[in-house]
Amino acid sequence: MSEESQFDWKPLPRMRTHEQVVAEIENRLISGTLKAGDRLPPERQFAEALGVSRGAVREALRILEAIGVVEAGTGSGPTSGSMIVKDSIAGMAMVLRIHLQLASFTQDDLVEVRLLIEKLAARKAATTATEDDIAELRSLVEDMRGVHTTATYNDLDSAFHVRIVRASGNGLAAVLMAALREALRLAMVTAFSGLEDPVATMKSLTEEHQAIVDAIAAGEESKAAELTESHILGFYRAVGFNDLKWAG
């Protein structure tokens, strides 16, 4: 080892106590000894078990609650400890929304990610979708035929696209898609509301959704993927995608 490399070392970062608590919870989630729905010990007992102050535990739980990993528990007894969340979409959406605002992602990046996920999902769903999947997708399409504000229609639209990804059998992709849609909800609703004739656009999109479901139900993989691509690109063109901002 050269003299230069001998001294090419840097001190390891010193973790604050609450960061150690966060790391311990993360390690247990990774190892599987903690899982979604599990309840953590009450604050006082938790601090004693870890050999740290209650303030450190409180700060760690505050951080984890803020990013949607735990739900705070109140009161006393067996239901007083914070609980590991069962649905991580809200937390992932918040983190994603902040990073979209901080990072130099372009609007083309968003379209490409949606296309990558949803084209593959539609293709896979054409071979993996169950009767229940198809029934739920058709039910969402029928709901879209009702009278809606741009916000309520957008929520149905999001549910439809997330449901297709779920039907593909990839749970992670479904959560990522749901988080992405939630992170961009306000921007999409605002752009949708700015259309000259939102109602006509809703009707057109609904028919496109119907065609996608029909292709998936018929097992037509390539057609399902192609219809999904043209639907997504057409929607962004309709709402003036170049005017969108990363917001949520």
Protein backbone atom coordinates (compact mmCIF):
# COMPACT_ATOMS: atom_id res chain seq x y z
CA MET A 1 0.00 0.00 0.00
CA SER A 2 1.43 3.38 -1.01
CA GLU A 3 1.94 6.15 1.49
CA GLU A 4 -0.77 8.17 -0.25
CA SER A 5 -3.36 5.38 -0.06
CA GLN A 6 -2.55 4.77 3.59
CA PHE A 7 -3.85 8.22 4.41
CA ASP A 8 -6.74 8.22 1.91
CA TRP A 9 -9.26 7.46 4.64
CA LYS A 10 -12.11 9.54 5.95
CA PRO A 11 -13.84 9.33 9.32
CA LEU A 12 -17.06 7.34 9.32
CA PRO A 13 -20.15 9.50 9.91
CA ARG A 14 -21.32 9.56 13.50
CA MET A 15 -24.97 8.66 13.74
CA ARG A 16 -27.10 10.56 16.17
CA THR A 17 -29.12 8.43 18.56
CA HIS A 18 -32.44 8.92 16.81
CA GLU A 19 -30.76 7.94 13.52
CA GLN A 20 -29.64 4.71 15.17
CA VAL A 21 -33.24 4.04 16.17
CA VAL A 22 -34.38 4.62 12.57
CA ALA A 23 -31.59 2.32 11.34
CA GLU A 24 -32.63 -0.42 13.79
CA ILE A 25 -36.24 -0.28 12.60
CA GLU A 26 -35.06 -0.33 8.97
CA ASN A 27 -32.81 -3.33 9.63
CA ARG A 28 -35.70 -5.24 11.20
CA LEU A 29 -37.93 -4.43 8.22
CA ILE A 30 -35.23 -5.70 5.88
CA SER A 31 -34.72 -8.89 7.90
CA GLY A 32 -38.46 -9.52 8.12
CA THR A 33 -38.68 -9.43 11.90
CA LEU A 34 -40.87 -6.33 11.44
CA LYS A 35 -43.52 -6.16 8.75
CA ALA A 36 -46.48 -4.09 7.64
CA GLY A 37 -49.17 -3.96 10.32
CA ASP A 38 -46.83 -4.76 13.22
CA ARG A 39 -47.03 -2.51 16.26
CA LEU A 40 -43.92 -1.06 17.90
CA PRO A 41 -43.63 -0.98 21.71
CA PRO A 42 -44.98 2.07 23.55
CA GLU A 43 -42.49 4.91 23.64
CA ARG A 44 -41.21 4.38 27.19
CA GLN A 45 -40.80 0.62 26.78
CA PHE A 46 -39.23 1.08 23.36
CA ALA A 47 -36.64 3.50 24.74
CA GLU A 48 -35.78 1.15 27.59
CA ALA A 49 -35.46 -1.84 25.23
CA LEU A 50 -33.08 0.06 22.95
CA GLY A 51 -31.16 1.72 25.77
CA VAL A 52 -31.81 5.22 24.45
CA SER A 53 -33.74 8.27 25.61
CA ARG A 54 -37.46 8.69 24.99
CA GLY A 55 -36.57 11.85 23.07
CA ALA A 56 -34.50 9.81 20.59
CA VAL A 57 -37.35 7.34 20.09
CA ARG A 58 -39.83 10.19 19.71
CA GLU A 59 -37.68 11.93 17.08
CA ALA A 60 -37.13 8.69 15.15
CA LEU A 61 -40.86 7.95 15.10
CA ARG A 62 -41.61 11.51 14.03
CA ILE A 63 -39.30 11.10 11.03
CA LEU A 64 -40.74 7.72 10.09
CA GLU A 65 -44.28 9.05 10.42
CA ALA A 66 -43.43 12.03 8.20
CA ILE A 67 -42.25 9.76 5.39
CA GLY A 68 -45.22 7.43 5.76
CA VAL A 69 -43.52 4.41 7.33
CA VAL A 70 -45.35 4.40 10.69
CA GLU A 71 -48.64 5.63 12.06
CA ALA A 72 -48.41 7.25 15.48
CA GLY A 73 -50.11 5.45 18.34
CA THR A 74 -51.81 7.21 21.26
CA GLY A 75 -53.08 6.27 24.69
CA SER A 76 -51.89 3.26 26.68
CA GLY A 77 -52.16 -0.47 26.58
CA PRO A 78 -51.68 -2.93 23.71
CA THR A 79 -52.77 -0.42 21.05
CA SER A 80 -50.60 2.49 22.21
CA GLY A 81 -47.45 1.89 20.16
CA SER A 82 -46.86 3.25 16.67
CA MET A 83 -47.71 0.83 13.89
CA ILE A 84 -45.85 0.01 10.67
CA VAL A 85 -48.14 1.15 7.86
CA LYS A 86 -49.87 -1.36 5.62
CA ASP A 87 -50.21 1.06 2.69
CA SER A 88 -47.03 2.93 1.76
CA ILE A 89 -48.41 4.81 -1.24
CA ALA A 90 -49.04 8.12 0.57
CA GLY A 91 -45.55 8.22 2.03
CA MET A 92 -43.91 7.26 -1.25
CA ALA A 93 -45.93 9.90 -3.07
CA MET A 94 -44.82 12.63 -0.68
CA VAL A 95 -41.15 11.70 -0.97
CA LEU A 96 -41.44 11.37 -4.74
CA ARG A 97 -43.21 14.73 -5.03
CA ILE A 98 -40.46 16.51 -3.11
CA HIS A 99 -37.70 14.88 -5.12
CA LEU A 100 -39.45 15.69 -8.38
CA GLN A 101 -39.37 19.34 -7.33
CA LEU A 102 -35.70 19.18 -6.30
CA ALA A 103 -34.24 17.11 -9.09
CA SER A 104 -33.71 18.00 -12.74
CA PHE A 105 -36.23 15.53 -14.12
CA THR A 106 -37.82 16.66 -17.37
CA GLN A 107 -41.41 16.24 -18.43
CA ASP A 108 -40.20 13.84 -21.11
CA ASP A 109 -38.76 11.71 -18.28
CA LEU A 110 -42.23 11.41 -16.77
CA VAL A 111 -43.86 10.38 -20.04
CA GLU A 112 -41.13 7.84 -20.71
CA VAL A 113 -41.45 6.29 -17.23
CA ARG A 114 -45.22 6.03 -17.58
CA LEU A 115 -44.85 4.43 -21.00
CA LEU A 116 -42.21 1.97 -19.82
CA ILE A 117 -44.33 0.83 -16.89
CA GLU A 118 -47.78 0.93 -18.43
CA LYS A 119 -47.01 -0.54 -21.85
CA LEU A 120 -45.33 -3.53 -20.24
CA ALA A 121 -48.12 -3.79 -17.66
CA ALA A 122 -50.85 -3.76 -20.33
CA ARG A 123 -48.97 -6.37 -22.34
CA LYS A 124 -48.58 -8.62 -19.29
CA ALA A 125 -52.13 -8.03 -18.10
CA ALA A 126 -53.40 -9.42 -21.40
CA THR A 127 -52.03 -12.81 -20.30
CA THR A 128 -52.35 -12.59 -16.50
CA ALA A 129 -55.56 -10.64 -15.81
CA THR A 130 -58.21 -12.62 -13.98
CA GLU A 131 -61.98 -12.35 -14.38
CA ASP A 132 -62.04 -10.20 -11.25
CA ASP A 133 -59.38 -7.88 -12.74
CA ILE A 134 -61.41 -7.43 -15.91
CA ALA A 135 -64.63 -6.92 -13.96
CA GLU A 136 -63.05 -4.19 -11.82
CA LEU A 137 -61.60 -2.45 -14.87
CA ARG A 138 -64.96 -2.51 -16.63
CA SER A 139 -66.63 -1.18 -13.48
CA LEU A 140 -64.21 1.76 -13.39
CA VAL A 141 -64.95 2.52 -17.04
CA GLU A 142 -68.69 2.53 -16.32
CA ASP A 143 -68.12 4.87 -13.37
CA MET A 144 -66.26 7.22 -15.73
CA ARG A 145 -69.38 7.51 -17.88
CA GLY A 146 -71.13 9.43 -15.11
CA VAL A 147 -71.02 13.17 -14.45
CA HIS A 148 -67.69 14.24 -12.98
CA THR A 149 -65.53 17.18 -12.10
CA THR A 150 -62.02 17.06 -13.53
CA ALA A 151 -60.78 16.06 -10.06
CA THR A 152 -63.16 13.11 -9.61
CA TYR A 153 -62.52 11.93 -13.15
CA ASN A 154 -58.77 12.13 -12.60
CA ASP A 155 -59.14 9.96 -9.50
CA LEU A 156 -61.01 7.31 -11.51
CA ASP A 157 -58.43 7.58 -14.28
CA SER A 158 -55.62 7.02 -11.77
CA ALA A 159 -57.43 4.04 -10.26
CA PHE A 160 -57.91 2.56 -13.74
CA HIS A 161 -54.25 2.78 -14.71
CA VAL A 162 -53.04 1.50 -11.34
CA ARG A 163 -55.51 -1.40 -11.62
CA ILE A 164 -54.02 -2.42 -14.96
CA VAL A 165 -50.55 -2.48 -13.45
CA ARG A 166 -51.88 -4.57 -10.55
CA ALA A 167 -53.45 -6.96 -13.04
CA SER A 168 -50.00 -7.49 -14.55
CA GLY A 169 -48.96 -9.17 -11.31
CA ASN A 170 -46.20 -6.71 -10.40
CA GLY A 171 -47.02 -5.31 -6.98
CA LEU A 172 -44.03 -2.97 -6.83
CA ALA A 173 -44.86 -1.41 -10.20
CA ALA A 174 -48.44 -0.85 -9.00
CA VAL A 175 -47.27 0.97 -5.86
CA LEU A 176 -44.80 3.08 -7.86
CA MET A 177 -47.50 4.00 -10.37
CA ALA A 178 -49.96 4.92 -7.61
CA ALA A 179 -47.32 7.04 -5.88
CA LEU A 180 -46.40 8.77 -9.12
CA ARG A 181 -50.02 9.56 -9.94
CA GLU A 182 -50.67 10.86 -6.42
CA ALA A 183 -47.53 13.00 -6.53
CA LEU A 184 -48.71 14.67 -9.74
CA ARG A 185 -52.43 14.81 -8.99
CA LEU A 186 -52.77 18.58 -8.56
CA ALA A 187 -50.76 19.35 -11.68
CA MET A 188 -52.86 16.99 -13.78
CA VAL A 189 -56.20 18.23 -12.43
CA THR A 190 -55.14 21.85 -13.04
CA ALA A 191 -54.11 21.10 -16.61
CA PHE A 192 -57.29 19.09 -17.22
CA SER A 193 -59.44 21.94 -15.92
CA GLY A 194 -57.80 24.31 -18.39
CA LEU A 195 -59.12 22.43 -21.42
CA GLU A 196 -61.66 24.17 -23.63
CA ASP A 197 -64.07 21.24 -23.37
CA PRO A 198 -63.13 18.93 -20.46
CA VAL A 199 -66.36 16.93 -20.76
CA ALA A 200 -65.64 15.97 -24.36
CA THR A 201 -62.12 14.96 -23.39
CA MET A 202 -63.49 12.79 -20.57
CA LYS A 203 -65.79 10.99 -23.00
CA SER A 204 -62.96 10.41 -25.44
CA LEU A 205 -60.63 9.10 -22.72
CA THR A 206 -63.34 6.79 -21.41
CA GLU A 207 -63.77 5.18 -24.83
CA GLU A 208 -60.00 4.71 -25.02
CA HIS A 209 -60.09 3.06 -21.61
CA GLN A 210 -62.84 0.76 -22.85
CA ALA A 211 -60.75 -0.27 -25.85
CA ILE A 212 -57.75 -1.03 -23.63
CA VAL A 213 -59.86 -3.25 -21.35
CA ASP A 214 -61.31 -5.07 -24.36
CA ALA A 215 -57.82 -5.78 -25.70
CA ILE A 216 -56.64 -7.07 -22.32
CA ALA A 217 -59.75 -9.23 -21.93
CA ALA A 218 -59.18 -10.68 -25.40
CA GLY A 219 -55.56 -11.52 -24.59
CA GLU A 220 -54.26 -9.22 -27.33
CA GLU A 221 -50.89 -8.27 -25.86
CA SER A 222 -49.51 -6.05 -28.63
CA LYS A 223 -52.81 -4.25 -29.15
CA ALA A 224 -53.19 -3.56 -25.42
CA ALA A 225 -49.68 -2.08 -25.29
CA GLU A 226 -50.20 0.02 -28.44
CA LEU A 227 -53.55 1.38 -27.27
CA THR A 228 -52.04 2.26 -23.90
CA GLU A 229 -49.17 4.14 -25.55
CA SER A 230 -51.40 6.17 -27.87
CA HIS A 231 -53.79 6.88 -24.99
CA ILE A 232 -51.07 8.25 -22.70
CA LEU A 233 -49.37 10.34 -25.38
CA GLY A 234 -52.72 11.65 -26.63
CA PHE A 235 -53.74 12.71 -23.14
CA TYR A 236 -50.56 14.68 -22.52
CA ARG A 237 -50.92 16.40 -25.86
CA ALA A 238 -54.55 17.26 -25.05
CA VAL A 239 -53.74 18.91 -21.72
CA GLY A 240 -50.75 20.85 -23.03
CA PHE A 241 -48.11 18.82 -21.28
CA ASN A 242 -45.37 21.37 -21.92
CA ASP A 243 -47.10 23.76 -19.53
CA LEU A 244 -47.16 21.32 -16.62
CA LYS A 245 -45.03 21.88 -13.51
CA TRP A 246 -43.82 19.36 -10.98
CA ALA A 247 -46.39 19.93 -8.28
CA GLY A 248 -48.70 18.00 -6.09
